[in-house]
């Protein structure tokens, strides 16, 4: 496990899982949200994002946290391990709600409210993005170590196993 991606619905706890994995493994952690977003709420161009992502993928070791479906195939090709957090919708909504007002290392601003558009994006995630993510992950399941986690308890067990292997 040298090149890891962590994907799943917003609010599932991808960044928290990735931080804990970083702390256990010592692998450098990169947040796609910190690459895409600027602190003023704007974002960089897709071309600049792709160039920065390509630089990351060339590194010897990493954990990359985030979905960005448009570039998922490239990250799946480059990684050796996938952690796919596929949690129930209510868990994801509560996770997103619970981080409002908290400073986070994975986002360049503090969310002041549970934005309705973002809430709707989470609500639509199971039908709009989840099937495509599963299809892409399936294409690599024979060549990558793929962990599809359905609960925080499963995630906790994987982290405990990673700590034991260290």
C-alpha atoms as a PDB file:
ATOM      1  CA  UNK A   1       0.000   0.000   0.000  1.00  0.00           C
ATOM      2  CA  UNK A   2       1.986   2.920  -1.387  1.00  0.00           C
ATOM      3  CA  UNK A   3      -0.509   4.751  -3.624  1.00  0.00           C
ATOM      4  CA  UNK A   4      -3.973   4.979  -2.116  1.00  0.00           C
ATOM      5  CA  UNK A   5      -7.184   6.696  -3.141  1.00  0.00           C
ATOM      6  CA  UNK A   6     -10.092   7.328  -0.794  1.00  0.00           C
ATOM      7  CA  UNK A   7     -13.437   7.884  -2.501  1.00  0.00           C
ATOM      8  CA  UNK A   8     -17.104   7.990  -1.526  1.00  0.00           C
ATOM      9  CA  UNK A   9     -20.073  10.253  -0.958  1.00  0.00           C
ATOM     10  CA  UNK A  10     -19.469  13.694   0.545  1.00  0.00           C
ATOM     11  CA  UNK A  11     -19.987  13.496   4.283  1.00  0.00           C
ATOM     12  CA  UNK A  12     -18.965   9.834   4.477  1.00  0.00           C
ATOM     13  CA  UNK A  13     -15.740  10.743   6.233  1.00  0.00           C
ATOM     14  CA  UNK A  14     -13.223  10.303   3.422  1.00  0.00           C
ATOM     15  CA  UNK A  15     -10.913  13.004   4.755  1.00  0.00           C
ATOM     16  CA  UNK A  16     -11.097  11.737   8.324  1.00  0.00           C
ATOM     17  CA  UNK A  17     -10.352   8.189   7.144  1.00  0.00           C
ATOM     18  CA  UNK A  18      -7.493   9.451   4.941  1.00  0.00           C
ATOM     19  CA  UNK A  19      -5.963  11.431   7.844  1.00  0.00           C
ATOM     20  CA  UNK A  20      -6.081   8.402  10.122  1.00  0.00           C
ATOM     21  CA  UNK A  21      -4.538   6.253   7.395  1.00  0.00           C
ATOM     22  CA  UNK A  22      -1.805   8.873   6.900  1.00  0.00           C
ATOM     23  CA  UNK A  23      -1.078   8.900  10.614  1.00  0.00           C
ATOM     24  CA  UNK A  24      -0.758   5.103  10.639  1.00  0.00           C
ATOM     25  CA  UNK A  25       1.231   4.650   7.412  1.00  0.00           C
ATOM     26  CA  UNK A  26       3.225   7.872   7.163  1.00  0.00           C
ATOM     27  CA  UNK A  27       2.166   8.219   3.528  1.00  0.00           C
ATOM     28  CA  UNK A  28       1.805  11.838   2.343  1.00  0.00           C
ATOM     29  CA  UNK A  29      -1.827  12.935   2.050  1.00  0.00           C
ATOM     30  CA  UNK A  30      -3.251  15.179  -0.653  1.00  0.00           C
ATOM     31  CA  UNK A  31      -6.806  16.539  -0.714  1.00  0.00           C
ATOM     32  CA  UNK A  32      -8.322  17.135  -4.146  1.00  0.00           C
ATOM     33  CA  UNK A  33     -10.584  19.818  -2.649  1.00  0.00           C
ATOM     34  CA  UNK A  34      -7.477  21.779  -1.598  1.00  0.00           C
ATOM     35  CA  UNK A  35      -6.181  21.608  -5.162  1.00  0.00           C
ATOM     36  CA  UNK A  36      -9.467  22.524  -6.874  1.00  0.00           C
ATOM     37  CA  UNK A  37     -10.746  25.226  -4.524  1.00  0.00           C
ATOM     38  CA  UNK A  38      -9.270  28.597  -3.692  1.00  0.00           C
ATOM     39  CA  UNK A  39      -9.868  30.147  -0.282  1.00  0.00           C
ATOM     40  CA  UNK A  40     -12.216  32.762  -1.800  1.00  0.00           C
ATOM     41  CA  UNK A  41     -14.611  30.029  -2.988  1.00  0.00           C
ATOM     42  CA  UNK A  42     -13.533  30.093  -6.623  1.00  0.00           C
ATOM     43  CA  UNK A  43     -11.609  27.261  -8.243  1.00  0.00           C
ATOM     44  CA  UNK A  44      -8.743  26.711 -10.634  1.00  0.00           C
ATOM     45  CA  UNK A  45      -9.258  25.660 -14.250  1.00  0.00           C
ATOM     46  CA  UNK A  46      -9.757  21.979 -15.118  1.00  0.00           C
ATOM     47  CA  UNK A  47      -6.486  22.111 -17.048  1.00  0.00           C
ATOM     48  CA  UNK A  48      -4.543  23.405 -14.032  1.00  0.00           C
ATOM     49  CA  UNK A  49      -6.238  20.819 -11.819  1.00  0.00           C
ATOM     50  CA  UNK A  50      -5.239  18.031 -14.216  1.00  0.00           C
ATOM     51  CA  UNK A  51      -1.627  19.265 -14.320  1.00  0.00           C
ATOM     52  CA  UNK A  52      -1.411  19.375 -10.519  1.00  0.00           C
ATOM     53  CA  UNK A  53      -2.992  15.944 -10.234  1.00  0.00           C
ATOM     54  CA  UNK A  54      -0.525  14.536 -12.756  1.00  0.00           C
ATOM     55  CA  UNK A  55       2.353  15.886 -10.624  1.00  0.00           C
ATOM     56  CA  UNK A  56       0.939  14.105  -7.578  1.00  0.00           C
ATOM     57  CA  UNK A  57       0.476  10.831  -9.420  1.00  0.00           C
ATOM     58  CA  UNK A  58       4.156  10.819 -10.395  1.00  0.00           C
ATOM     59  CA  UNK A  59       5.214  10.799  -6.737  1.00  0.00           C
ATOM     60  CA  UNK A  60       6.473   7.545  -5.258  1.00  0.00           C
ATOM     61  CA  UNK A  61       3.914   7.376  -2.423  1.00  0.00           C
ATOM     62  CA  UNK A  62       0.632   9.079  -1.612  1.00  0.00           C
ATOM     63  CA  UNK A  63      -2.903   9.043  -0.317  1.00  0.00           C
ATOM     64  CA  UNK A  64      -5.302  11.072  -2.463  1.00  0.00           C
ATOM     65  CA  UNK A  65      -8.632  11.990  -0.902  1.00  0.00           C
ATOM     66  CA  UNK A  66     -11.587  12.977  -3.060  1.00  0.00           C
ATOM     67  CA  UNK A  67     -13.932  11.928  -5.821  1.00  0.00           C
ATOM     68  CA  UNK A  68     -13.723  14.260  -8.825  1.00  0.00           C
ATOM     69  CA  UNK A  69     -15.338  11.652 -11.047  1.00  0.00           C
ATOM     70  CA  UNK A  70     -13.866  13.217 -14.201  1.00  0.00           C
ATOM     71  CA  UNK A  71     -10.366  12.174 -13.088  1.00  0.00           C
ATOM     72  CA  UNK A  72     -11.193   9.001 -11.171  1.00  0.00           C
ATOM     73  CA  UNK A  73     -10.064   6.706 -13.987  1.00  0.00           C
ATOM     74  CA  UNK A  74      -6.589   8.309 -14.018  1.00  0.00           C
ATOM     75  CA  UNK A  75      -6.250   7.882 -10.243  1.00  0.00           C
ATOM     76  CA  UNK A  76      -7.499   4.293 -10.389  1.00  0.00           C
ATOM     77  CA  UNK A  77      -4.897   3.516 -13.023  1.00  0.00           C
ATOM     78  CA  UNK A  78      -2.096   4.985 -10.884  1.00  0.00           C
ATOM     79  CA  UNK A  79      -3.053   3.655  -7.436  1.00  0.00           C
ATOM     80  CA  UNK A  80      -2.448   0.273  -5.858  1.00  0.00           C
ATOM     81  CA  UNK A  81      -5.170   0.517  -3.184  1.00  0.00           C
ATOM     82  CA  UNK A  82      -8.739   1.869  -3.143  1.00  0.00           C
ATOM     83  CA  UNK A  83     -10.828   2.622  -0.079  1.00  0.00           C
ATOM     84  CA  UNK A  84     -14.401   3.208  -1.261  1.00  0.00           C
ATOM     85  CA  UNK A  85     -16.656   4.521   1.524  1.00  0.00           C
ATOM     86  CA  UNK A  86     -20.175   3.602   0.418  1.00  0.00           C
ATOM     87  CA  UNK A  87     -22.206   4.564   3.468  1.00  0.00           C
ATOM     88  CA  UNK A  88     -25.966   5.051   3.825  1.00  0.00           C
ATOM     89  CA  UNK A  89     -27.265   8.435   2.705  1.00  0.00           C
ATOM     90  CA  UNK A  90     -28.375   9.448   6.219  1.00  0.00           C
ATOM     91  CA  UNK A  91     -24.832   8.841   7.536  1.00  0.00           C
ATOM     92  CA  UNK A  92     -23.381  11.049   4.790  1.00  0.00           C
ATOM     93  CA  UNK A  93     -25.905  13.838   5.332  1.00  0.00           C
ATOM     94  CA  UNK A  94     -25.220  13.821   9.070  1.00  0.00           C
ATOM     95  CA  UNK A  95     -21.468  13.765   8.426  1.00  0.00           C
ATOM     96  CA  UNK A  96     -21.696  16.830   6.185  1.00  0.00           C
ATOM     97  CA  UNK A  97     -24.006  18.598   8.643  1.00  0.00           C
ATOM     98  CA  UNK A  98     -21.716  17.875  11.600  1.00  0.00           C
ATOM     99  CA  UNK A  99     -18.702  19.635  10.092  1.00  0.00           C
ATOM    100  CA  UNK A 100     -20.429  22.998   9.586  1.00  0.00           C
ATOM    101  CA  UNK A 101     -18.504  25.751  11.370  1.00  0.00           C
ATOM    102  CA  UNK A 102     -15.364  23.658  11.845  1.00  0.00           C
ATOM    103  CA  UNK A 103     -11.932  24.460  10.426  1.00  0.00           C
ATOM    104  CA  UNK A 104     -10.642  21.537   8.396  1.00  0.00           C
ATOM    105  CA  UNK A 105      -7.324  20.767   6.741  1.00  0.00           C
ATOM    106  CA  UNK A 106      -9.086  19.368   3.669  1.00  0.00           C
ATOM    107  CA  UNK A 107     -10.997  22.527   2.674  1.00  0.00           C
ATOM    108  CA  UNK A 108      -9.621  26.085   2.310  1.00  0.00           C
ATOM    109  CA  UNK A 109     -12.535  27.733   4.134  1.00  0.00           C
ATOM    110  CA  UNK A 110     -14.951  27.065   6.972  1.00  0.00           C
ATOM    111  CA  UNK A 111     -18.426  26.035   5.874  1.00  0.00           C
ATOM    112  CA  UNK A 112     -20.801  28.421   7.634  1.00  0.00           C
ATOM    113  CA  UNK A 113     -24.035  26.679   6.661  1.00  0.00           C
ATOM    114  CA  UNK A 114     -25.256  23.420   5.154  1.00  0.00           C
ATOM    115  CA  UNK A 115     -25.672  24.823   1.669  1.00  0.00           C
ATOM    116  CA  UNK A 116     -28.883  23.573   0.030  1.00  0.00           C
ATOM    117  CA  UNK A 117     -27.178  22.941  -3.316  1.00  0.00           C
ATOM    118  CA  UNK A 118     -24.491  20.821  -1.610  1.00  0.00           C
ATOM    119  CA  UNK A 119     -27.146  18.982   0.412  1.00  0.00           C
ATOM    120  CA  UNK A 120     -28.992  18.184  -2.823  1.00  0.00           C
ATOM    121  CA  UNK A 121     -25.761  17.018  -4.466  1.00  0.00           C
ATOM    122  CA  UNK A 122     -25.323  14.524  -1.590  1.00  0.00           C
ATOM    123  CA  UNK A 123     -28.965  13.445  -1.934  1.00  0.00           C
ATOM    124  CA  UNK A 124     -28.443  12.844  -5.677  1.00  0.00           C
ATOM    125  CA  UNK A 125     -25.075  11.118  -5.255  1.00  0.00           C
ATOM    126  CA  UNK A 126     -26.476   7.538  -5.053  1.00  0.00           C
ATOM    127  CA  UNK A 127     -28.115   7.832  -8.468  1.00  0.00           C
ATOM    128  CA  UNK A 128     -25.861  10.393 -10.204  1.00  0.00           C
ATOM    129  CA  UNK A 129     -22.345   9.272  -9.271  1.00  0.00           C
ATOM    130  CA  UNK A 130     -22.317   6.054  -7.267  1.00  0.00           C
ATOM    131  CA  UNK A 131     -23.117   3.713 -10.214  1.00  0.00           C
ATOM    132  CA  UNK A 132     -20.347   5.260 -12.336  1.00  0.00           C
ATOM    133  CA  UNK A 133     -17.883   4.974  -9.457  1.00  0.00           C
ATOM    134  CA  UNK A 134     -18.744   1.312  -8.967  1.00  0.00           C
ATOM    135  CA  UNK A 135     -18.312   0.635 -12.676  1.00  0.00           C
ATOM    136  CA  UNK A 136     -14.882   2.280 -12.758  1.00  0.00           C
ATOM    137  CA  UNK A 137     -13.739   0.510  -9.585  1.00  0.00           C
ATOM    138  CA  UNK A 138     -14.941  -2.852 -10.961  1.00  0.00           C
ATOM    139  CA  UNK A 139     -12.725  -2.375 -14.009  1.00  0.00           C
ATOM    140  CA  UNK A 140      -9.673  -2.298 -11.732  1.00  0.00           C
ATOM    141  CA  UNK A 141     -10.749  -4.779  -9.046  1.00  0.00           C
ATOM    142  CA  UNK A 142      -8.518  -7.545 -10.424  1.00  0.00           C
ATOM    143  CA  UNK A 143      -5.374  -5.411 -10.430  1.00  0.00           C
ATOM    144  CA  UNK A 144      -5.860  -3.211  -7.362  1.00  0.00           C
ATOM    145  CA  UNK A 145      -6.511  -3.875  -3.705  1.00  0.00           C
ATOM    146  CA  UNK A 146     -10.102  -2.655  -3.375  1.00  0.00           C
ATOM    147  CA  UNK A 147     -11.875  -2.191  -0.050  1.00  0.00           C
ATOM    148  CA  UNK A 148     -15.548  -1.246  -0.256  1.00  0.00           C
ATOM    149  CA  UNK A 149     -16.646  -0.157   3.205  1.00  0.00           C
ATOM    150  CA  UNK A 150     -20.302   0.166   4.176  1.00  0.00           C
ATOM    151  CA  UNK A 151     -20.031   1.525   7.720  1.00  0.00           C
ATOM    152  CA  UNK A 152     -17.798   3.534  10.001  1.00  0.00           C
ATOM    153  CA  UNK A 153     -17.222   0.338  11.977  1.00  0.00           C
ATOM    154  CA  UNK A 154     -15.806  -1.403   8.875  1.00  0.00           C
ATOM    155  CA  UNK A 155     -13.563   1.617   8.278  1.00  0.00           C
ATOM    156  CA  UNK A 156     -12.354   1.485  11.877  1.00  0.00           C
ATOM    157  CA  UNK A 157     -11.477  -2.217  11.490  1.00  0.00           C
ATOM    158  CA  UNK A 158      -9.477  -1.532   8.316  1.00  0.00           C
ATOM    159  CA  UNK A 159      -7.539   1.200  10.087  1.00  0.00           C
ATOM    160  CA  UNK A 160      -6.848  -1.125  13.004  1.00  0.00           C
ATOM    161  CA  UNK A 161      -5.565  -3.763  10.558  1.00  0.00           C
ATOM    162  CA  UNK A 162      -3.345  -1.184   8.849  1.00  0.00           C
ATOM    163  CA  UNK A 163      -1.899  -0.244  12.239  1.00  0.00           C
ATOM    164  CA  UNK A 164      -1.167  -3.898  13.020  1.00  0.00           C
ATOM    165  CA  UNK A 165       0.614  -4.379   9.685  1.00  0.00           C
ATOM    166  CA  UNK A 166       2.883  -1.416  10.295  1.00  0.00           C
END
